[in-house]
C-alpha atoms as a PDB file:
ATOM      1  CA  MET A   1      73.024 -68.937  20.628  1.00  0.00           C
ATOM      2  CA  THR A   2      70.068 -69.253  18.262  1.00  0.00           C
ATOM      3  CA  GLU A   3      68.926 -72.824  17.648  1.00  0.00           C
ATOM      4  CA  LYS A   4      69.640 -73.862  14.076  1.00  0.00           C
ATOM      5  CA  ARG A   5      66.690 -75.645  12.474  1.00  0.00           C
ATOM      6  CA  ASP A   6      66.343 -77.413   9.157  1.00  0.00           C
ATOM      7  CA  TRP A   7      64.497 -75.147   6.702  1.00  0.00           C
ATOM      8  CA  HIS A   8      63.620 -77.956   4.298  1.00  0.00           C
ATOM      9  CA  PRO A   9      60.073 -79.377   4.089  1.00  0.00           C
ATOM     10  CA  SER A  10      59.510 -82.601   5.990  1.00  0.00           C
ATOM     11  CA  ALA A  11      57.265 -83.931   3.179  1.00  0.00           C
ATOM     12  CA  SER A  12      58.340 -84.649  -0.372  1.00  0.00           C
ATOM     13  CA  LEU A  13      56.812 -82.634  -3.197  1.00  0.00           C
ATOM     14  CA  GLU A  14      55.154 -85.881  -4.319  1.00  0.00           C
ATOM     15  CA  MET A  15      53.432 -86.166  -0.927  1.00  0.00           C
ATOM     16  CA  ILE A  16      52.412 -82.498  -0.988  1.00  0.00           C
ATOM     17  CA  ARG A  17      50.751 -83.103  -4.360  1.00  0.00           C
ATOM     18  CA  ALA A  18      49.069 -86.256  -3.004  1.00  0.00           C
ATOM     19  CA  ARG A  19      47.588 -84.210  -0.145  1.00  0.00           C
ATOM     20  CA  ALA A  20      46.273 -81.562  -2.565  1.00  0.00           C
ATOM     21  CA  HIS A  21      44.710 -84.305  -4.722  1.00  0.00           C
ATOM     22  CA  LEU A  22      43.066 -85.906  -1.659  1.00  0.00           C
ATOM     23  CA  LEU A  23      41.570 -82.593  -0.512  1.00  0.00           C
ATOM     24  CA  GLY A  24      40.206 -82.002  -4.021  1.00  0.00           C
ATOM     25  CA  GLN A  25      38.587 -85.461  -4.065  1.00  0.00           C
ATOM     26  CA  ILE A  26      36.967 -84.851  -0.674  1.00  0.00           C
ATOM     27  CA  ARG A  27      35.533 -81.511  -1.790  1.00  0.00           C
ATOM     28  CA  ASP A  28      34.236 -83.093  -5.024  1.00  0.00           C
ATOM     29  CA  TYR A  29      32.492 -85.807  -3.002  1.00  0.00           C
ATOM     30  CA  PHE A  30      30.629 -83.360  -0.785  1.00  0.00           C
ATOM     31  CA  GLN A  31      29.774 -81.015  -3.623  1.00  0.00           C
ATOM     32  CA  GLN A  32      28.146 -83.908  -5.478  1.00  0.00           C
ATOM     33  CA  ALA A  33      26.359 -84.937  -2.253  1.00  0.00           C
ATOM     34  CA  GLY A  34      24.952 -81.432  -1.745  1.00  0.00           C
ATOM     35  CA  VAL A  35      26.782 -80.811   1.528  1.00  0.00           C
ATOM     36  CA  LEU A  36      27.749 -77.183   2.159  1.00  0.00           C
ATOM     37  CA  GLU A  37      31.365 -76.301   2.971  1.00  0.00           C
ATOM     38  CA  VAL A  38      31.643 -73.890   5.911  1.00  0.00           C
ATOM     39  CA  GLU A  39      34.344 -72.120   7.901  1.00  0.00           C
ATOM     40  CA  THR A  40      34.178 -71.391  11.627  1.00  0.00           C
ATOM     41  CA  PRO A  41      36.633 -69.613  13.980  1.00  0.00           C
ATOM     42  CA  VAL A  42      39.848 -71.333  14.986  1.00  0.00           C
ATOM     43  CA  LEU A  43      39.959 -69.215  18.156  1.00  0.00           C
ATOM     44  CA  SER A  44      37.221 -69.515  20.772  1.00  0.00           C
ATOM     45  CA  ARG A  45      36.511 -68.138  24.231  1.00  0.00           C
ATOM     46  CA  CYS A  46      35.423 -71.667  25.224  1.00  0.00           C
ATOM     47  CA  GLY A  47      37.505 -74.828  25.048  1.00  0.00           C
ATOM     48  CA  THR A  48      36.786 -78.516  25.414  1.00  0.00           C
ATOM     49  CA  THR A  49      36.151 -79.832  28.907  1.00  0.00           C
ATOM     50  CA  ASP A  50      37.196 -83.367  27.874  1.00  0.00           C
ATOM     51  CA  PRO A  51      39.749 -84.532  30.507  1.00  0.00           C
ATOM     52  CA  ALA A  52      41.638 -86.507  27.829  1.00  0.00           C
ATOM     53  CA  ILE A  53      42.291 -83.443  25.638  1.00  0.00           C
ATOM     54  CA  GLU A  54      44.372 -80.359  26.430  1.00  0.00           C
ATOM     55  CA  SER A  55      43.969 -77.143  24.441  1.00  0.00           C
ATOM     56  CA  PHE A  56      46.507 -74.547  23.394  1.00  0.00           C
ATOM     57  CA  THR A  57      45.655 -71.159  24.854  1.00  0.00           C
ATOM     58  CA  THR A  58      46.457 -67.590  23.901  1.00  0.00           C
ATOM     59  CA  ARG A  59      45.266 -64.136  24.949  1.00  0.00           C
ATOM     60  CA  TYR A  60      43.615 -61.319  22.991  1.00  0.00           C
ATOM     61  CA  MET A  61      44.138 -57.693  24.005  1.00  0.00           C
ATOM     62  CA  GLY A  62      42.369 -54.934  22.102  1.00  0.00           C
ATOM     63  CA  PRO A  63      38.997 -53.474  21.079  1.00  0.00           C
ATOM     64  CA  ALA A  64      35.971 -55.192  22.668  1.00  0.00           C
ATOM     65  CA  ALA A  65      38.171 -56.661  25.393  1.00  0.00           C
ATOM     66  CA  PRO A  66      39.735 -53.898  27.508  1.00  0.00           C
ATOM     67  CA  ARG A  67      40.764 -56.452  30.147  1.00  0.00           C
ATOM     68  CA  GLY A  68      41.685 -59.091  27.596  1.00  0.00           C
ATOM     69  CA  TRP A  69      40.177 -62.452  26.684  1.00  0.00           C
ATOM     70  CA  ASP A  70      41.707 -65.873  27.247  1.00  0.00           C
ATOM     71  CA  LEU A  71      41.209 -67.844  24.034  1.00  0.00           C
ATOM     72  CA  TYR A  72      41.536 -71.473  23.019  1.00  0.00           C
ATOM     73  CA  LEU A  73      42.774 -72.866  19.720  1.00  0.00           C
ATOM     74  CA  GLN A  74      40.117 -75.314  18.566  1.00  0.00           C
ATOM     75  CA  THR A  75      40.595 -79.043  19.133  1.00  0.00           C
ATOM     76  CA  SER A  76      37.611 -79.589  16.819  1.00  0.00           C
ATOM     77  CA  PRO A  77      35.149 -77.313  14.977  1.00  0.00           C
ATOM     78  CA  GLU A  78      32.262 -79.270  16.503  1.00  0.00           C
ATOM     79  CA  PHE A  79      30.720 -76.620  18.747  1.00  0.00           C
ATOM     80  CA  PRO A  80      30.405 -73.768  16.208  1.00  0.00           C
ATOM     81  CA  MET A  81      29.265 -76.197  13.507  1.00  0.00           C
ATOM     82  CA  LYS A  82      26.446 -77.347  15.787  1.00  0.00           C
ATOM     83  CA  ARG A  83      25.455 -73.719  16.247  1.00  0.00           C
ATOM     84  CA  LEU A  84      25.186 -73.473  12.453  1.00  0.00           C
ATOM     85  CA  LEU A  85      23.001 -76.598  12.413  1.00  0.00           C
ATOM     86  CA  ALA A  86      20.707 -75.054  15.028  1.00  0.00           C
ATOM     87  CA  ALA A  87      20.480 -71.942  12.830  1.00  0.00           C
ATOM     88  CA  GLY A  88      19.170 -74.051   9.912  1.00  0.00           C
ATOM     89  CA  SER A  89      22.319 -74.631   7.823  1.00  0.00           C
ATOM     90  CA  GLY A  90      21.358 -78.120   6.710  1.00  0.00           C
ATOM     91  CA  PRO A  91      24.145 -80.657   5.997  1.00  0.00           C
ATOM     92  CA  ILE A  92      27.605 -79.078   6.375  1.00  0.00           C
ATOM     93  CA  TYR A  93      31.281 -80.028   6.281  1.00  0.00           C
ATOM     94  CA  GLN A  94      34.588 -78.376   7.035  1.00  0.00           C
ATOM     95  CA  ILE A  95      38.273 -79.076   6.403  1.00  0.00           C
ATOM     96  CA  CYS A  96      40.359 -77.210   8.966  1.00  0.00           C
ATOM     97  CA  LYS A  97      43.394 -77.127  11.211  1.00  0.00           C
ATOM     98  CA  VAL A  98      42.931 -78.223  14.814  1.00  0.00           C
ATOM     99  CA  PHE A  99      45.353 -78.172  17.742  1.00  0.00           C
ATOM    100  CA  ARG A 100      46.003 -80.402  20.742  1.00  0.00           C
ATOM    101  CA  GLN A 101      48.605 -79.999  23.454  1.00  0.00           C
ATOM    102  CA  GLY A 102      51.096 -82.738  24.205  1.00  0.00           C
ATOM    103  CA  GLU A 103      50.337 -84.972  21.215  1.00  0.00           C
ATOM    104  CA  LEU A 104      53.488 -85.716  19.191  1.00  0.00           C
ATOM    105  CA  GLY A 105      54.721 -88.905  17.540  1.00  0.00           C
ATOM    106  CA  HIS A 106      54.566 -90.922  14.352  1.00  0.00           C
ATOM    107  CA  ARG A 107      50.728 -90.807  14.484  1.00  0.00           C
ATOM    108  CA  HIS A 108      50.329 -87.419  16.180  1.00  0.00           C
ATOM    109  CA  ASN A 109      51.212 -83.790  15.530  1.00  0.00           C
ATOM    110  CA  PRO A 110      50.067 -80.914  17.774  1.00  0.00           C
ATOM    111  CA  GLU A 111      48.588 -79.239  14.661  1.00  0.00           C
ATOM    112  CA  PHE A 112      46.690 -81.480  12.250  1.00  0.00           C
ATOM    113  CA  THR A 113      44.013 -81.427   9.568  1.00  0.00           C
ATOM    114  CA  LEU A 114      40.479 -82.558  10.343  1.00  0.00           C
ATOM    115  CA  LEU A 115      37.502 -83.220   8.088  1.00  0.00           C
ATOM    116  CA  GLU A 116      34.273 -82.866  10.036  1.00  0.00           C
ATOM    117  CA  TRP A 117      30.716 -83.134   8.753  1.00  0.00           C
ATOM    118  CA  TYR A 118      27.130 -83.297  10.006  1.00  0.00           C
ATOM    119  CA  ARG A 119      24.075 -84.909   8.452  1.00  0.00           C
ATOM    120  CA  PRO A 120      20.597 -83.926   9.723  1.00  0.00           C
ATOM    121  CA  GLY A 121      18.275 -86.937   9.753  1.00  0.00           C
ATOM    122  CA  TYR A 122      21.102 -89.487  10.024  1.00  0.00           C
ATOM    123  CA  ASP A 123      21.895 -91.808  12.926  1.00  0.00           C
ATOM    124  CA  HIS A 124      25.340 -93.275  13.568  1.00  0.00           C
ATOM    125  CA  HIS A 125      24.715 -96.312  11.355  1.00  0.00           C
ATOM    126  CA  THR A 126      23.629 -94.180   8.384  1.00  0.00           C
ATOM    127  CA  LEU A 127      26.690 -92.007   8.833  1.00  0.00           C
ATOM    128  CA  MET A 128      28.965 -95.064   8.994  1.00  0.00           C
ATOM    129  CA  ASP A 129      27.633 -95.992   5.561  1.00  0.00           C
ATOM    130  CA  GLU A 130      28.493 -92.532   4.216  1.00  0.00           C
ATOM    131  CA  VAL A 131      31.988 -92.599   5.733  1.00  0.00           C
ATOM    132  CA  ALA A 132      32.519 -95.975   4.011  1.00  0.00           C
ATOM    133  CA  SER A 133      31.224 -94.514   0.744  1.00  0.00           C
ATOM    134  CA  LEU A 134      33.674 -91.597   0.958  1.00  0.00           C
ATOM    135  CA  VAL A 135      36.672 -93.805   1.761  1.00  0.00           C
ATOM    136  CA  ASN A 136      35.803 -96.215  -1.034  1.00  0.00           C
ATOM    137  CA  ARG A 137      35.691 -93.258  -3.421  1.00  0.00           C
ATOM    138  CA  LEU A 138      39.295 -92.473  -2.457  1.00  0.00           C
ATOM    139  CA  VAL A 139      40.900 -95.927  -2.695  1.00  0.00           C
ATOM    140  CA  GLU A 140      41.894 -97.734  -5.889  1.00  0.00           C
ATOM    141  CA  THR A 141      39.918-100.889  -5.071  1.00  0.00           C
ATOM    142  CA  PRO A 142      36.706-100.703  -2.991  1.00  0.00           C
ATOM    143  CA  MET A 143      37.065-102.352   0.410  1.00  0.00           C
ATOM    144  CA  GLU A 144      34.811-104.638   2.383  1.00  0.00           C
ATOM    145  CA  VAL A 145      33.090-103.006   5.357  1.00  0.00           C
ATOM    146  CA  GLU A 146      32.824-104.640   8.786  1.00  0.00           C
ATOM    147  CA  LYS A 147      30.620-103.246  11.542  1.00  0.00           C
ATOM    148  CA  LEU A 148      31.619-104.618  14.942  1.00  0.00           C
ATOM    149  CA  SER A 149      30.083-103.619  18.249  1.00  0.00           C
ATOM    150  CA  TYR A 150      32.418-102.633  21.081  1.00  0.00           C
ATOM    151  CA  ARG A 151      31.141-105.605  23.088  1.00  0.00           C
ATOM    152  CA  ALA A 152      31.666-108.056  20.211  1.00  0.00           C
ATOM    153  CA  ALA A 153      35.237-106.810  19.691  1.00  0.00           C
ATOM    154  CA  PHE A 154      36.167-107.474  23.332  1.00  0.00           C
ATOM    155  CA  GLN A 155      34.450-110.859  23.279  1.00  0.00           C
ATOM    156  CA  ARG A 156      36.183-111.843  20.021  1.00  0.00           C
ATOM    157  CA  HIS A 157      39.712-110.823  20.955  1.00  0.00           C
ATOM    158  CA  LEU A 158      39.761-110.988  24.784  1.00  0.00           C
ATOM    159  CA  GLN A 159      36.809-113.239  25.700  1.00  0.00           C
ATOM    160  CA  VAL A 160      35.449-110.648  28.125  1.00  0.00           C
ATOM    161  CA  ASP A 161      32.282-108.538  28.243  1.00  0.00           C
ATOM    162  CA  PRO A 162      33.428-104.893  28.552  1.00  0.00           C
ATOM    163  CA  HIS A 163      30.051-103.825  29.934  1.00  0.00           C
ATOM    164  CA  LEU A 164      30.082-106.309  32.827  1.00  0.00           C
ATOM    165  CA  ALA A 165      33.729-106.760  33.866  1.00  0.00           C
ATOM    166  CA  ASP A 166      34.848-104.591  36.767  1.00  0.00           C
ATOM    167  CA  GLY A 167      38.054-102.596  36.962  1.00  0.00           C
ATOM    168  CA  GLU A 168      39.998-105.275  38.855  1.00  0.00           C
ATOM    169  CA  GLN A 169      39.059-107.956  36.299  1.00  0.00           C
ATOM    170  CA  LEU A 170      40.196-105.684  33.479  1.00  0.00           C
ATOM    171  CA  ARG A 171      43.453-104.909  35.299  1.00  0.00           C
ATOM    172  CA  GLU A 172      44.154-108.615  35.805  1.00  0.00           C
ATOM    173  CA  LEU A 173      43.460-109.237  32.123  1.00  0.00           C
ATOM    174  CA  ALA A 174      45.922-106.512  31.113  1.00  0.00           C
ATOM    175  CA  ILE A 175      48.597-108.103  33.306  1.00  0.00           C
ATOM    176  CA  GLU A 176      47.766-111.623  32.069  1.00  0.00           C
ATOM    177  CA  ARG A 177      48.071-110.477  28.450  1.00  0.00           C
ATOM    178  CA  LYS A 178      51.432-108.874  29.289  1.00  0.00           C
ATOM    179  CA  ILE A 179      50.678-105.269  28.387  1.00  0.00           C
ATOM    180  CA  PRO A 180      53.946-103.483  29.250  1.00  0.00           C
ATOM    181  CA  GLY A 181      53.797-101.778  32.636  1.00  0.00           C
ATOM    182  CA  ALA A 182      50.219-102.858  33.361  1.00  0.00           C
ATOM    183  CA  GLY A 183      51.130-104.181  36.797  1.00  0.00           C
ATOM    184  CA  ASP A 184      52.449-100.791  37.891  1.00  0.00           C
ATOM    185  CA  LEU A 185      49.586 -98.714  36.539  1.00  0.00           C
ATOM    186  CA  HIS A 186      47.018 -97.089  38.815  1.00  0.00           C
ATOM    187  CA  LEU A 187      44.201 -96.054  36.499  1.00  0.00           C
ATOM    188  CA  ASP A 188      41.300 -94.162  38.054  1.00  0.00           C
ATOM    189  CA  SER A 189      38.401 -95.773  36.175  1.00  0.00           C
ATOM    190  CA  ARG A 190      37.143 -98.834  34.320  1.00  0.00           C
ATOM    191  CA  ASP A 191      37.344 -96.763  31.155  1.00  0.00           C
ATOM    192  CA  GLY A 192      41.073 -96.328  31.652  1.00  0.00           C
ATOM    193  CA  TRP A 193      41.563-100.099  31.655  1.00  0.00           C
ATOM    194  CA  LEU A 194      39.172-100.554  28.736  1.00  0.00           C
ATOM    195  CA  ASP A 195      41.142 -97.978  26.720  1.00  0.00           C
ATOM    196  CA  LEU A 196      44.419 -99.725  27.567  1.00  0.00           C
ATOM    197  CA  LEU A 197      43.103-103.132  26.496  1.00  0.00           C
ATOM    198  CA  LEU A 198      41.543-101.690  23.349  1.00  0.00           C
ATOM    199  CA  SER A 199      44.644 -99.828  22.204  1.00  0.00           C
ATOM    200  CA  HIS A 200      47.131-102.627  22.901  1.00  0.00           C
ATOM    201  CA  LEU A 201      45.224-105.823  22.200  1.00  0.00           C
ATOM    202  CA  ILE A 202      42.242-105.065  19.946  1.00  0.00           C
ATOM    203  CA  GLU A 203      43.018-102.080  17.702  1.00  0.00           C
ATOM    204  CA  PRO A 204      45.968-103.818  15.961  1.00  0.00           C
ATOM    205  CA  HIS A 205      43.483-106.388  14.586  1.00  0.00           C
ATOM    206  CA  LEU A 206      40.937-103.868  13.302  1.00  0.00           C
ATOM    207  CA  GLY A 207      40.707-102.818   9.662  1.00  0.00           C
ATOM    208  CA  GLN A 208      43.289-105.305   8.439  1.00  0.00           C
ATOM    209  CA  SER A 209      41.250-106.649   5.511  1.00  0.00           C
ATOM    210  CA  GLY A 210      39.034-103.646   4.831  1.00  0.00           C
ATOM    211  CA  MET A 211      37.257-101.042   6.941  1.00  0.00           C
ATOM    212  CA  THR A 212      36.217-101.853  10.496  1.00  0.00           C
ATOM    213  CA  PHE A 213      33.663 -99.680  12.279  1.00  0.00           C
ATOM    214  CA  LEU A 214      33.587-100.152  16.028  1.00  0.00           C
ATOM    215  CA  TYR A 215      30.257 -98.928  17.431  1.00  0.00           C
ATOM    216  CA  ASP A 216      27.996 -98.758  20.509  1.00  0.00           C
ATOM    217  CA  TYR A 217      30.589 -97.790  23.130  1.00  0.00           C
ATOM    218  CA  PRO A 218      30.017 -97.966  26.898  1.00  0.00           C
ATOM    219  CA  ALA A 219      27.692 -95.211  28.109  1.00  0.00           C
ATOM    220  CA  THR A 220      30.542 -93.819  30.231  1.00  0.00           C
ATOM    221  CA  GLN A 221      32.365 -93.010  26.974  1.00  0.00           C
ATOM    222  CA  ALA A 222      29.433 -91.192  25.365  1.00  0.00           C
ATOM    223  CA  ALA A 223      31.229 -87.814  24.964  1.00  0.00           C
ATOM    224  CA  LEU A 224      28.669 -85.796  22.946  1.00  0.00           C
ATOM    225  CA  SER A 225      26.597 -88.725  21.680  1.00  0.00           C
ATOM    226  CA  ILE A 226      23.164 -90.097  22.536  1.00  0.00           C
ATOM    227  CA  VAL A 227      23.004 -92.852  25.161  1.00  0.00           C
ATOM    228  CA  ARG A 228      20.571 -95.610  24.235  1.00  0.00           C
ATOM    229  CA  ARG A 229      18.489 -96.677  27.227  1.00  0.00           C
ATOM    230  CA  GLU A 230      18.813-100.440  27.231  1.00  0.00           C
ATOM    231  CA  THR A 231      20.621-103.000  29.377  1.00  0.00           C
ATOM    232  CA  PRO A 232      23.483-102.326  29.340  1.00  0.00           C
ATOM    233  CA  GLN A 233      23.196 -98.707  28.177  1.00  0.00           C
ATOM    234  CA  VAL A 234      25.414 -97.877  25.217  1.00  0.00           C
ATOM    235  CA  ALA A 235      26.595 -94.684  23.551  1.00  0.00           C
ATOM    236  CA  GLU A 236      25.596 -94.298  19.904  1.00  0.00           C
ATOM    237  CA  ARG A 237      29.087 -93.484  18.648  1.00  0.00           C
ATOM    238  CA  PHE A 238      31.574 -95.177  16.346  1.00  0.00           C
ATOM    239  CA  GLU A 239      35.199 -95.189  15.282  1.00  0.00           C
ATOM    240  CA  LEU A 240      36.631 -96.222  11.911  1.00  0.00           C
ATOM    241  CA  TYR A 241      39.831 -98.270  11.767  1.00  0.00           C
ATOM    242  CA  LEU A 242      42.088 -98.906   8.790  1.00  0.00           C
ATOM    243  CA  ALA A 243      45.150-101.156   9.183  1.00  0.00           C
ATOM    244  CA  GLY A 244      44.892-100.945  12.977  1.00  0.00           C
ATOM    245  CA  MET A 245      44.760 -97.134  12.993  1.00  0.00           C
ATOM    246  CA  GLU A 246      41.830 -95.017  14.171  1.00  0.00           C
ATOM    247  CA  ILE A 247      40.775 -92.741  11.298  1.00  0.00           C
ATOM    248  CA  ALA A 248      37.416 -91.267  12.346  1.00  0.00           C
ATOM    249  CA  ASN A 249      35.191 -90.757  15.387  1.00  0.00           C
ATOM    250  CA  GLY A 250      31.447 -90.206  14.953  1.00  0.00           C
ATOM    251  CA  PHE A 251      28.326 -89.631  17.058  1.00  0.00           C
ATOM    252  CA  HIS A 252      24.569 -89.801  16.847  1.00  0.00           C
ATOM    253  CA  GLU A 253      24.512 -86.332  18.346  1.00  0.00           C
ATOM    254  CA  LEU A 254      23.147 -85.436  21.753  1.00  0.00           C
ATOM    255  CA  LEU A 255      20.409 -82.764  21.505  1.00  0.00           C
ATOM    256  CA  ASP A 256      19.523 -82.291  25.188  1.00  0.00           C
ATOM    257  CA  SER A 257      21.142 -79.100  26.510  1.00  0.00           C
ATOM    258  CA  ASP A 258      20.556 -80.048  30.174  1.00  0.00           C
ATOM    259  CA  GLU A 259      22.252 -83.407  29.715  1.00  0.00           C
ATOM    260  CA  GLN A 260      25.106 -81.768  27.815  1.00  0.00           C
ATOM    261  CA  ARG A 261      25.594 -79.287  30.674  1.00  0.00           C
ATOM    262  CA  ARG A 262      25.660 -82.179  33.133  1.00  0.00           C
ATOM    263  CA  ARG A 263      28.376 -83.910  31.090  1.00  0.00           C
ATOM    264  CA  PHE A 264      30.462 -80.726  30.857  1.00  0.00           C
ATOM    265  CA  THR A 265      30.162 -80.350  34.639  1.00  0.00           C
ATOM    266  CA  GLU A 266      31.243 -83.952  35.189  1.00  0.00           C
ATOM    267  CA  ASP A 267      34.193 -83.442  32.824  1.00  0.00           C
ATOM    268  CA  ASN A 268      35.353 -80.493  34.903  1.00  0.00           C
ATOM    269  CA  ARG A 269      34.958 -82.483  38.104  1.00  0.00           C
ATOM    270  CA  LEU A 270      37.268 -85.130  36.655  1.00  0.00           C
ATOM    271  CA  ARG A 271      39.705 -82.479  35.473  1.00  0.00           C
ATOM    272  CA  VAL A 272      39.998 -81.064  38.996  1.00  0.00           C
ATOM    273  CA  GLU A 273      40.365 -84.583  40.411  1.00  0.00           C
ATOM    274  CA  ARG A 274      43.279 -85.183  38.025  1.00  0.00           C
ATOM    275  CA  GLY A 275      44.961 -81.873  38.778  1.00  0.00           C
ATOM    276  CA  LEU A 276      43.961 -80.250  35.490  1.00  0.00           C
ATOM    277  CA  PRO A 277      42.541 -76.729  35.120  1.00  0.00           C
ATOM    278  CA  GLU A 278      38.791 -76.335  34.730  1.00  0.00           C
ATOM    279  CA  VAL A 279      37.577 -75.140  31.329  1.00  0.00           C
ATOM    280  CA  ASP A 280      34.616 -72.789  30.864  1.00  0.00           C
ATOM    281  CA  MET A 281      31.787 -74.748  29.271  1.00  0.00           C
ATOM    282  CA  ASP A 282      30.562 -73.498  25.903  1.00  0.00           C
ATOM    283  CA  GLU A 283      27.423 -71.547  26.798  1.00  0.00           C
ATOM    284  CA  PRO A 284      26.622 -70.551  23.166  1.00  0.00           C
ATOM    285  CA  LEU A 285      26.549 -74.254  22.261  1.00  0.00           C
ATOM    286  CA  LEU A 286      24.233 -75.008  25.173  1.00  0.00           C
ATOM    287  CA  ASP A 287      21.975 -72.137  24.103  1.00  0.00           C
ATOM    288  CA  ALA A 288      21.919 -73.498  20.538  1.00  0.00           C
ATOM    289  CA  LEU A 289      20.939 -76.963  21.785  1.00  0.00           C
ATOM    290  CA  ALA A 290      18.200 -75.421  23.922  1.00  0.00           C
ATOM    291  CA  ALA A 291      16.916 -73.483  20.901  1.00  0.00           C
ATOM    292  CA  GLY A 292      16.706 -76.728  18.947  1.00  0.00           C
ATOM    293  CA  MET A 293      19.331 -78.519  16.895  1.00  0.00           C
ATOM    294  CA  PRO A 294      17.950 -81.012  14.363  1.00  0.00           C
ATOM    295  CA  GLU A 295      18.440 -84.716  14.983  1.00  0.00           C
ATOM    296  CA  CYS A 296      21.698 -85.547  13.240  1.00  0.00           C
ATOM    297  CA  ALA A 297      24.920 -87.507  13.195  1.00  0.00           C
ATOM    298  CA  GLY A 298      28.404 -86.054  12.874  1.00  0.00           C
ATOM    299  CA  VAL A 299      31.918 -87.360  12.362  1.00  0.00           C
ATOM    300  CA  ALA A 300      35.496 -86.095  12.565  1.00  0.00           C
ATOM    301  CA  LEU A 301      37.990 -87.767  10.224  1.00  0.00           C
ATOM    302  CA  GLY A 302      41.754 -87.289  10.454  1.00  0.00           C
ATOM    303  CA  VAL A 303      42.946 -86.231   7.000  1.00  0.00           C
ATOM    304  CA  ASP A 304      46.620 -86.805   7.836  1.00  0.00           C
ATOM    305  CA  ARG A 305      45.931 -90.350   9.012  1.00  0.00           C
ATOM    306  CA  LEU A 306      43.781 -91.044   5.966  1.00  0.00           C
ATOM    307  CA  LEU A 307      46.632 -89.847   3.735  1.00  0.00           C
ATOM    308  CA  SER A 308      48.953 -92.081   5.737  1.00  0.00           C
ATOM    309  CA  TYR A 309      46.793 -95.086   4.911  1.00  0.00           C
ATOM    310  CA  LEU A 310      46.324 -94.188   1.250  1.00  0.00           C
ATOM    311  CA  SER A 311      50.022 -93.494   0.673  1.00  0.00           C
ATOM    312  CA  GLY A 312      51.389 -96.379   2.729  1.00  0.00           C
ATOM    313  CA  CYS A 313      53.533 -93.919   4.714  1.00  0.00           C
ATOM    314  CA  ARG A 314      53.071 -94.638   8.431  1.00  0.00           C
ATOM    315  CA  ASP A 315      54.961 -91.604   9.787  1.00  0.00           C
ATOM    316  CA  LEU A 316      52.858 -88.428   9.815  1.00  0.00           C
ATOM    317  CA  ARG A 317      55.983 -86.283   9.806  1.00  0.00           C
ATOM    318  CA  ALA A 318      56.597 -87.284   6.201  1.00  0.00           C
ATOM    319  CA  LEU A 319      53.040 -86.256   5.265  1.00  0.00           C
ATOM    320  CA  LEU A 320      53.204 -82.676   6.552  1.00  0.00           C
ATOM    321  CA  ALA A 321      54.837 -79.868   4.607  1.00  0.00           C
ATOM    322  CA  PHE A 322      56.527 -78.873   7.867  1.00  0.00           C
ATOM    323  CA  ASP A 323      56.106 -81.075  10.908  1.00  0.00           C
ATOM    324  CA  PHE A 324      56.100 -79.643  14.430  1.00  0.00           C
ATOM    325  CA  THR A 325      59.897 -79.731  14.800  1.00  0.00           C
ATOM    326  CA  ARG A 326      60.295 -77.568  11.645  1.00  0.00           C
ATOM    327  CA  ALA A 327      57.406 -75.161  12.271  1.00  0.00           C
END
C-alpha cells in the first residue's frame, strides 16, 4: 500500500513571502558591498572528511564515466568557492541548498539553505563586524554586539578553563551540572566533553540581549581555520549566536595546502576509528591552496535559522515550503 502523505506546504504563504523578502535583502546588501554572487556545483566527486558530518551520496553513470562516479551532495560550497578565490574572483558570496545526513528536528532539516561568503584581506574579527552589519540591516532595531572568547565563555558560565582542563575534569563537571546521561557517556576526546558542556550549559545564555560572537576556539577544533601559535594555541574561528541558537560559523581561512592535507588525513583516521567510511580528500582544493589562495576570512550562515530568529518561529518545519517529511 502506498504511503499517503500530506500534499500541503508546511510553511504558511506569509512565511514563504518572508523568506523571499529576506533573500532579497541579503542580495541587496552584497550588491551594495560589491561582493559577487556565484554558483558552484551541488554534486562533487569529493565530500567532507569531517567526522561530525555525514554526506548524502549518489552515483553518476554516463558519458565521461564509463565505470560510474560516486558523488556527494554538498554539505557546504566552501571547497569550490575557495577554488574561485584562488583563481582571482575577489570577494564572493553564494546562497544555496546544502545537505547533511541524519540531521532532523526543530532546528535541523537534511536539506537547508546556506549563505556563504569570503572576503580577501579580512581576518575573523573583521568578518565578525561584517556579519553583525548584515544582521543589523535585517532586524527592525539594531542590536548590541558582544564578542566573547571561547575561554571567557567557559570561565564565565562554568568557572573552568577549557584549554587546561583534562577530559576527566570536564566529564566530572558535566555530571556535577546534571547534564542528562552524562554519567553513562563514553566520549572519545576532550572536544566531545567541551561540545557537550557548550551545547547544554553555555549556548542557552548566548545572544539573549543582542548578538554574541564566540571566537578563538581550541586548536583541536580548528577545522579549516588558521591556528594562532601562542600558549595555548587557538583556532581563529567564530560562531554567531542569537537567542541561544548558533546562526553562523566563520574562519580566518587556512592557506597551507600541506597542513590542510594533514588535517584531512587526521579526519579520516578518526572516521575509521569511529567505524565511519573514509572520504576521498578534495585534491582540487589542495591544488588550489598550493597555487595560492589570497589571505581571507569566510563564513557560512544558516538562512533558515536566521529566518527563525527574525520571525520568532522556533520550528524550522514551519519555515520551509515543504519540510523533509513532505518532500
